[in-house]
Amino acid sequence: MAKKELTFEQAMDRLEVIVQELEKNEKPLDETVDLFEEGLNLVKTCNARLSSFETKIEELSGKKETEDDGEGN
């Protein structure tokens, strides 16, 4: 079964939990490394989503500006 993809907010919430766990420094080394790896993957996912959101907003803004330019002239 495929793993359900987290929303941006869910990924950020999970990342916050991981950071808190790592800051406690109470986990065995193997588990700490696993948490760190999961955190890095979440950071990559969040960065990719932010980039995608930014691109979409720029595209929408560009479309809006083009529509506005065409109406006024």
PDB file of N, CA and C in Angstrom:
ATOM      1  N   MET A   1       0.840  -1.182   0.000  1.00  0.00           N
ATOM      2  CA  MET A   1       0.000   0.000   0.000  1.00  0.00           C
ATOM      3  C   MET A   1       0.885   1.244   0.000  1.00  0.00           C
ATOM      4  N   ALA A   2       0.530   2.228  -0.805  1.00  0.00           N
ATOM      5  CA  ALA A   2       1.314   3.466  -0.908  1.00  0.00           C
ATOM      6  C   ALA A   2       1.116   4.323   0.344  1.00  0.00           C
ATOM      7  N   LYS A   3       2.193   4.964   0.739  1.00  0.00           N
ATOM      8  CA  LYS A   3       2.156   5.832   1.905  1.00  0.00           C
ATOM      9  C   LYS A   3       1.454   7.134   1.538  1.00  0.00           C
ATOM     10  N   LYS A   4       0.501   7.560   2.379  1.00  0.00           N
ATOM     11  CA  LYS A   4      -0.234   8.790   2.119  1.00  0.00           C
ATOM     12  C   LYS A   4       0.690   9.990   2.285  1.00  0.00           C
ATOM     13  N   GLU A   5       0.639  10.883   1.325  1.00  0.00           N
ATOM     14  CA  GLU A   5       1.492  12.068   1.351  1.00  0.00           C
ATOM     15  C   GLU A   5       0.934  13.075   2.356  1.00  0.00           C
ATOM     16  N   LEU A   6       1.821  13.627   3.156  1.00  0.00           N
ATOM     17  CA  LEU A   6       1.425  14.607   4.161  1.00  0.00           C
ATOM     18  C   LEU A   6       1.177  15.968   3.519  1.00  0.00           C
ATOM     19  N   THR A   7       0.279  16.734   4.119  1.00  0.00           N
ATOM     20  CA  THR A   7       0.119  18.117   3.694  1.00  0.00           C
ATOM     21  C   THR A   7       1.336  18.893   4.173  1.00  0.00           C
ATOM     22  N   PHE A   8       1.506  20.094   3.662  1.00  0.00           N
ATOM     23  CA  PHE A   8       2.618  20.933   4.090  1.00  0.00           C
ATOM     24  C   PHE A   8       2.562  21.140   5.602  1.00  0.00           C
ATOM     25  N   GLU A   9       1.369  21.432   6.109  1.00  0.00           N
ATOM     26  CA  GLU A   9       1.208  21.688   7.541  1.00  0.00           C
ATOM     27  C   GLU A   9       1.520  20.449   8.373  1.00  0.00           C
ATOM     28  N   GLN A  10       1.080  19.287   7.906  1.00  0.00           N
ATOM     29  CA  GLN A  10       1.370  18.039   8.621  1.00  0.00           C
ATOM     30  C   GLN A  10       2.868  17.759   8.637  1.00  0.00           C
ATOM     31  N   ALA A  11       3.519  18.014   7.518  1.00  0.00           N
ATOM     32  CA  ALA A  11       4.967  17.796   7.442  1.00  0.00           C
ATOM     33  C   ALA A  11       5.696  18.733   8.404  1.00  0.00           C
ATOM     34  N   MET A  12       5.261  19.992   8.467  1.00  0.00           N
ATOM     35  CA  MET A  12       5.893  20.948   9.383  1.00  0.00           C
ATOM     36  C   MET A  12       5.654  20.551  10.841  1.00  0.00           C
ATOM     37  N   ASP A  13       4.452  20.083  11.144  1.00  0.00           N
ATOM     38  CA  ASP A  13       4.147  19.630  12.510  1.00  0.00           C
ATOM     39  C   ASP A  13       5.028  18.444  12.894  1.00  0.00           C
ATOM     40  N   ARG A  14       5.172  17.491  11.972  1.00  0.00           N
ATOM     41  CA  ARG A  14       6.013  16.323  12.244  1.00  0.00           C
ATOM     42  C   ARG A  14       7.468  16.736  12.410  1.00  0.00           C
ATOM     43  N   LEU A  15       7.902  17.668  11.594  1.00  0.00           N
ATOM     44  CA  LEU A  15       9.275  18.165  11.694  1.00  0.00           C
ATOM     45  C   LEU A  15       9.509  18.808  13.064  1.00  0.00           C
ATOM     46  N   GLU A  16       8.532  19.551  13.550  1.00  0.00           N
ATOM     47  CA  GLU A  16       8.656  20.172  14.872  1.00  0.00           C
ATOM     48  C   GLU A  16       8.784  19.120  15.972  1.00  0.00           C
ATOM     49  N   VAL A  17       8.016  18.042  15.873  1.00  0.00           N
ATOM     50  CA  VAL A  17       8.098  16.957  16.855  1.00  0.00           C
ATOM     51  C   VAL A  17       9.484  16.309  16.804  1.00  0.00           C
ATOM     52  N   ILE A  18       9.987  16.096  15.605  1.00  0.00           N
ATOM     53  CA  ILE A  18      11.317  15.489  15.447  1.00  0.00           C
ATOM     54  C   ILE A  18      12.382  16.378  16.077  1.00  0.00           C
ATOM     55  N   VAL A  19      12.314  17.660  15.815  1.00  0.00           N
ATOM     56  CA  VAL A  19      13.298  18.597  16.380  1.00  0.00           C
ATOM     57  C   VAL A  19      13.257  18.540  17.909  1.00  0.00           C
ATOM     58  N   GLN A  20      12.060  18.531  18.470  1.00  0.00           N
ATOM     59  CA  GLN A  20      11.929  18.458  19.930  1.00  0.00           C
ATOM     60  C   GLN A  20      12.539  17.174  20.477  1.00  0.00           C
ATOM     61  N   GLU A  21      12.295  16.065  19.792  1.00  0.00           N
ATOM     62  CA  GLU A  21      12.860  14.785  20.221  1.00  0.00           C
ATOM     63  C   GLU A  21      14.388  14.794  20.137  1.00  0.00           C
ATOM     64  N   LEU A  22      14.911  15.347  19.054  1.00  0.00           N
ATOM     65  CA  LEU A  22      16.364  15.393  18.896  1.00  0.00           C
ATOM     66  C   LEU A  22      17.009  16.312  19.934  1.00  0.00           C
ATOM     67  N   GLU A  23      16.329  17.403  20.266  1.00  0.00           N
ATOM     68  CA  GLU A  23      16.877  18.335  21.258  1.00  0.00           C
ATOM     69  C   GLU A  23      16.952  17.709  22.651  1.00  0.00           C
ATOM     70  N   LYS A  24      16.052  16.778  22.951  1.00  0.00           N
ATOM     71  CA  LYS A  24      16.078  16.102  24.253  1.00  0.00           C
ATOM     72  C   LYS A  24      17.316  15.220  24.400  1.00  0.00           C
ATOM     73  N   ASN A  25      17.808  14.706  23.268  1.00  0.00           N
ATOM     74  CA  ASN A  25      19.002  13.856  23.255  1.00  0.00           C
ATOM     75  C   ASN A  25      18.858  12.650  24.182  1.00  0.00           C
ATOM     76  N   GLU A  26      17.671  12.030  24.175  1.00  0.00           N
ATOM     77  CA  GLU A  26      17.408  10.885  25.043  1.00  0.00           C
ATOM     78  C   GLU A  26      17.255   9.574  24.277  1.00  0.00           C
ATOM     79  N   LYS A  27      17.258   9.634  22.960  1.00  0.00           N
ATOM     80  CA  LYS A  27      17.034   8.444  22.139  1.00  0.00           C
ATOM     81  C   LYS A  27      18.359   7.730  21.891  1.00  0.00           C
ATOM     82  N   PRO A  28      18.287   6.419  21.662  1.00  0.00           N
ATOM     83  CA  PRO A  28      19.490   5.689  21.254  1.00  0.00           C
ATOM     84  C   PRO A  28      19.996   6.232  19.911  1.00  0.00           C
ATOM     85  N   LEU A  29      21.265   6.045  19.651  1.00  0.00           N
ATOM     86  CA  LEU A  29      21.892   6.597  18.452  1.00  0.00           C
ATOM     87  C   LEU A  29      21.187   6.155  17.169  1.00  0.00           C
ATOM     88  N   ASP A  30      20.830   4.879  17.074  1.00  0.00           N
ATOM     89  CA  ASP A  30      20.151   4.391  15.868  1.00  0.00           C
ATOM     90  C   ASP A  30      18.845   5.139  15.626  1.00  0.00           C
ATOM     91  N   GLU A  31      18.069   5.328  16.661  1.00  0.00           N
ATOM     92  CA  GLU A  31      16.796   6.035  16.537  1.00  0.00           C
ATOM     93  C   GLU A  31      17.022   7.520  16.238  1.00  0.00           C
ATOM     94  N   THR A  32      18.050   8.082  16.822  1.00  0.00           N
ATOM     95  CA  THR A  32      18.382   9.488  16.557  1.00  0.00           C
ATOM     96  C   THR A  32      18.722   9.696  15.087  1.00  0.00           C
ATOM     97  N   VAL A  33      19.510   8.789  14.543  1.00  0.00           N
ATOM     98  CA  VAL A  33      19.877   8.893  13.125  1.00  0.00           C
ATOM     99  C   VAL A  33      18.635   8.732  12.248  1.00  0.00           C
ATOM    100  N   ASP A  34      17.752   7.811  12.596  1.00  0.00           N
ATOM    101  CA  ASP A  34      16.515   7.623  11.830  1.00  0.00           C
ATOM    102  C   ASP A  34      15.644   8.885  11.875  1.00  0.00           C
ATOM    103  N   LEU A  35      15.527   9.487  13.052  1.00  0.00           N
ATOM    104  CA  LEU A  35      14.750  10.723  13.183  1.00  0.00           C
ATOM    105  C   LEU A  35      15.376  11.851  12.367  1.00  0.00           C
ATOM    106  N   PHE A  36      16.703  11.938  12.426  1.00  0.00           N
ATOM    107  CA  PHE A  36      17.413  12.967  11.667  1.00  0.00           C
ATOM    108  C   PHE A  36      17.159  12.790  10.170  1.00  0.00           C
ATOM    109  N   GLU A  37      17.237  11.549   9.704  1.00  0.00           N
ATOM    110  CA  GLU A  37      16.992  11.266   8.287  1.00  0.00           C
ATOM    111  C   GLU A  37      15.553  11.625   7.901  1.00  0.00           C
ATOM    112  N   GLU A  38      14.600  11.262   8.737  1.00  0.00           N
ATOM    113  CA  GLU A  38      13.201  11.607   8.470  1.00  0.00           C
ATOM    114  C   GLU A  38      13.033  13.123   8.417  1.00  0.00           C
ATOM    115  N   GLY A  39      13.694  13.817   9.333  1.00  0.00           N
ATOM    116  CA  GLY A  39      13.636  15.274   9.350  1.00  0.00           C
ATOM    117  C   GLY A  39      14.192  15.892   8.089  1.00  0.00           C
ATOM    118  N   LEU A  40      15.327  15.388   7.621  1.00  0.00           N
ATOM    119  CA  LEU A  40      15.911  15.897   6.376  1.00  0.00           C
ATOM    120  C   LEU A  40      14.968  15.681   5.193  1.00  0.00           C
ATOM    121  N   ASN A  41      14.345  14.522   5.144  1.00  0.00           N
ATOM    122  CA  ASN A  41      13.396  14.240   4.066  1.00  0.00           C
ATOM    123  C   ASN A  41      12.188  15.181   4.138  1.00  0.00           C
ATOM    124  N   LEU A  42      11.729  15.475   5.344  1.00  0.00           N
ATOM    125  CA  LEU A  42      10.613  16.403   5.505  1.00  0.00           C
ATOM    126  C   LEU A  42      11.005  17.818   5.077  1.00  0.00           C
ATOM    127  N   VAL A  43      12.222  18.229   5.406  1.00  0.00           N
ATOM    128  CA  VAL A  43      12.710  19.547   4.990  1.00  0.00           C
ATOM    129  C   VAL A  43      12.739  19.631   3.465  1.00  0.00           C
ATOM    130  N   LYS A  44      13.240  18.590   2.815  1.00  0.00           N
ATOM    131  CA  LYS A  44      13.285  18.572   1.352  1.00  0.00           C
ATOM    132  C   LYS A  44      11.877  18.652   0.770  1.00  0.00           C
ATOM    133  N   THR A  45      10.957  17.892   1.351  1.00  0.00           N
ATOM    134  CA  THR A  45       9.569  17.899   0.889  1.00  0.00           C
ATOM    135  C   THR A  45       8.957  19.279   1.056  1.00  0.00           C
ATOM    136  N   CYS A  46       9.148  19.890   2.217  1.00  0.00           N
ATOM    137  CA  CYS A  46       8.583  21.220   2.475  1.00  0.00           C
ATOM    138  C   CYS A  46       9.187  22.265   1.532  1.00  0.00           C
ATOM    139  N   ASN A  47      10.489  22.206   1.318  1.00  0.00           N
ATOM    140  CA  ASN A  47      11.137  23.152   0.401  1.00  0.00           C
ATOM    141  C   ASN A  47      10.604  23.001  -1.020  1.00  0.00           C
ATOM    142  N   ALA A  48      10.410  21.762  -1.452  1.00  0.00           N
ATOM    143  CA  ALA A  48       9.884  21.525  -2.798  1.00  0.00           C
ATOM    144  C   ALA A  48       8.463  22.069  -2.915  1.00  0.00           C
ATOM    145  N   ARG A  49       7.662  21.862  -1.884  1.00  0.00           N
ATOM    146  CA  ARG A  49       6.285  22.373  -1.913  1.00  0.00           C
ATOM    147  C   ARG A  49       6.270  23.891  -1.908  1.00  0.00           C
ATOM    148  N   LEU A  50       7.119  24.499  -1.093  1.00  0.00           N
ATOM    149  CA  LEU A  50       7.174  25.965  -1.069  1.00  0.00           C
ATOM    150  C   LEU A  50       7.568  26.514  -2.431  1.00  0.00           C
ATOM    151  N   SER A  51       8.523  25.877  -3.057  1.00  0.00           N
ATOM    152  CA  SER A  51       8.949  26.293  -4.385  1.00  0.00           C
ATOM    153  C   SER A  51       7.803  26.162  -5.380  1.00  0.00           C
ATOM    154  N   SER A  52       7.069  25.077  -5.274  1.00  0.00           N
ATOM    155  CA  SER A  52       5.923  24.848  -6.150  1.00  0.00           C
ATOM    156  C   SER A  52       4.839  25.901  -5.914  1.00  0.00           C
ATOM    157  N   PHE A  53       4.586  26.203  -4.643  1.00  0.00           N
ATOM    158  CA  PHE A  53       3.590  27.228  -4.310  1.00  0.00           C
ATOM    159  C   PHE A  53       4.022  28.581  -4.860  1.00  0.00           C
ATOM    160  N   GLU A  54       5.299  28.887  -4.714  1.00  0.00           N
ATOM    161  CA  GLU A  54       5.831  30.162  -5.194  1.00  0.00           C
ATOM    162  C   GLU A  54       5.674  30.284  -6.707  1.00  0.00           C
ATOM    163  N   THR A  55       5.994  29.210  -7.415  1.00  0.00           N
ATOM    164  CA  THR A  55       5.857  29.203  -8.869  1.00  0.00           C
ATOM    165  C   THR A  55       4.400  29.400  -9.273  1.00  0.00           C
ATOM    166  N   LYS A  56       3.514  28.708  -8.592  1.00  0.00           N
ATOM    167  CA  LYS A  56       2.087  28.830  -8.909  1.00  0.00           C
ATOM    168  C   LYS A  56       1.590  30.255  -8.657  1.00  0.00           C
ATOM    169  N   ILE A  57       2.001  30.852  -7.543  1.00  0.00           N
ATOM    170  CA  ILE A  57       1.596  32.220  -7.232  1.00  0.00           C
ATOM    171  C   ILE A  57       2.130  33.187  -8.279  1.00  0.00           C
ATOM    172  N   GLU A  58       3.376  32.992  -8.690  1.00  0.00           N
ATOM    173  CA  GLU A  58       3.955  33.846  -9.734  1.00  0.00           C
ATOM    174  C   GLU A  58       3.194  33.699 -11.039  1.00  0.00           C
ATOM    175  N   GLU A  59       2.832  32.472 -11.386  1.00  0.00           N
ATOM    176  CA  GLU A  59       2.065  32.240 -12.605  1.00  0.00           C
ATOM    177  C   GLU A  59       0.698  32.915 -12.520  1.00  0.00           C
ATOM    178  N   LEU A  60       0.038  32.747 -11.375  1.00  0.00           N
ATOM    179  CA  LEU A  60      -1.276  33.364 -11.199  1.00  0.00           C
ATOM    180  C   LEU A  60      -1.179  34.882 -11.218  1.00  0.00           C
ATOM    181  N   SER A  61      -0.152  35.417 -10.590  1.00  0.00           N
ATOM    182  CA  SER A  61       0.045  36.865 -10.582  1.00  0.00           C
ATOM    183  C   SER A  61       0.323  37.373 -11.987  1.00  0.00           C
ATOM    184  N   GLY A  62       1.111  36.638 -12.739  1.00  0.00           N
ATOM    185  CA  GLY A  62       1.409  37.008 -14.114  1.00  0.00           C
ATOM    186  C   GLY A  62       0.164  36.988 -14.974  1.00  0.00           C
ATOM    187  N   LYS A  63      -0.670  35.996 -14.787  1.00  0.00           N
ATOM    188  CA  LYS A  63      -1.919  35.903 -15.532  1.00  0.00           C
ATOM    189  C   LYS A  63      -2.832  37.063 -15.182  1.00  0.00           C
ATOM    190  N   LYS A  64      -2.900  37.393 -13.906  1.00  0.00           N
ATOM    191  CA  LYS A  64      -3.755  38.480 -13.457  1.00  0.00           C
ATOM    192  C   LYS A  64      -3.272  39.796 -14.054  1.00  0.00           C
ATOM    193  N   GLU A  65      -1.963  40.034 -14.031  1.00  0.00           N
ATOM    194  CA  GLU A  65      -1.405  41.274 -14.596  1.00  0.00           C
ATOM    195  C   GLU A  65      -1.688  41.346 -16.092  1.00  0.00           C
ATOM    196  N   THR A  66      -1.563  40.217 -16.781  1.00  0.00           N
ATOM    197  CA  THR A  66      -1.838  40.177 -18.225  1.00  0.00           C
ATOM    198  C   THR A  66      -3.301  40.491 -18.497  1.00  0.00           C
ATOM    199  N   GLU A  67      -4.201  39.924 -17.690  1.00  0.00           N
ATOM    200  CA  GLU A  67      -5.634  40.188 -17.848  1.00  0.00           C
ATOM    201  C   GLU A  67      -5.937  41.653 -17.587  1.00  0.00           C
ATOM    202  N   ASP A  68      -5.341  42.222 -16.547  1.00  0.00           N
ATOM    203  CA  ASP A  68      -5.558  43.622 -16.208  1.00  0.00           C
ATOM    204  C   ASP A  68      -5.050  44.539 -17.309  1.00  0.00           C
ATOM    205  N   ASP A  69      -3.890  44.226 -17.883  1.00  0.00           N
ATOM    206  CA  ASP A  69      -3.319  45.030 -18.962  1.00  0.00           C
ATOM    207  C   ASP A  69      -4.222  45.026 -20.187  1.00  0.00           C
ATOM    208  N   GLY A  70      -4.787  43.888 -20.485  1.00  0.00           N
ATOM    209  CA  GLY A  70      -5.636  43.757 -21.667  1.00  0.00           C
ATOM    210  C   GLY A  70      -6.962  44.480 -21.531  1.00  0.00           C
ATOM    211  N   GLU A  71      -7.495  44.584 -20.335  1.00  0.00           N
ATOM    212  CA  GLU A  71      -8.792  45.202 -20.112  1.00  0.00           C
ATOM    213  C   GLU A  71      -8.726  46.717 -20.203  1.00  0.00           C
ATOM    214  N   GLY A  72      -7.641  47.279 -19.712  1.00  0.00           N
ATOM    215  CA  GLY A  72      -7.542  48.732 -19.619  1.00  0.00           C
ATOM    216  C   GLY A  72      -7.150  49.410 -20.909  1.00  0.00           C
ATOM    217  N   ASN A  73      -6.637  48.682 -21.854  1.00  0.00           N
ATOM    218  CA  ASN A  73      -6.132  49.282 -23.086  1.00  0.00           C
ATOM    219  C   ASN A  73      -7.095  49.194 -24.204  1.00  0.00           C
TER     220      ASN A  73
END
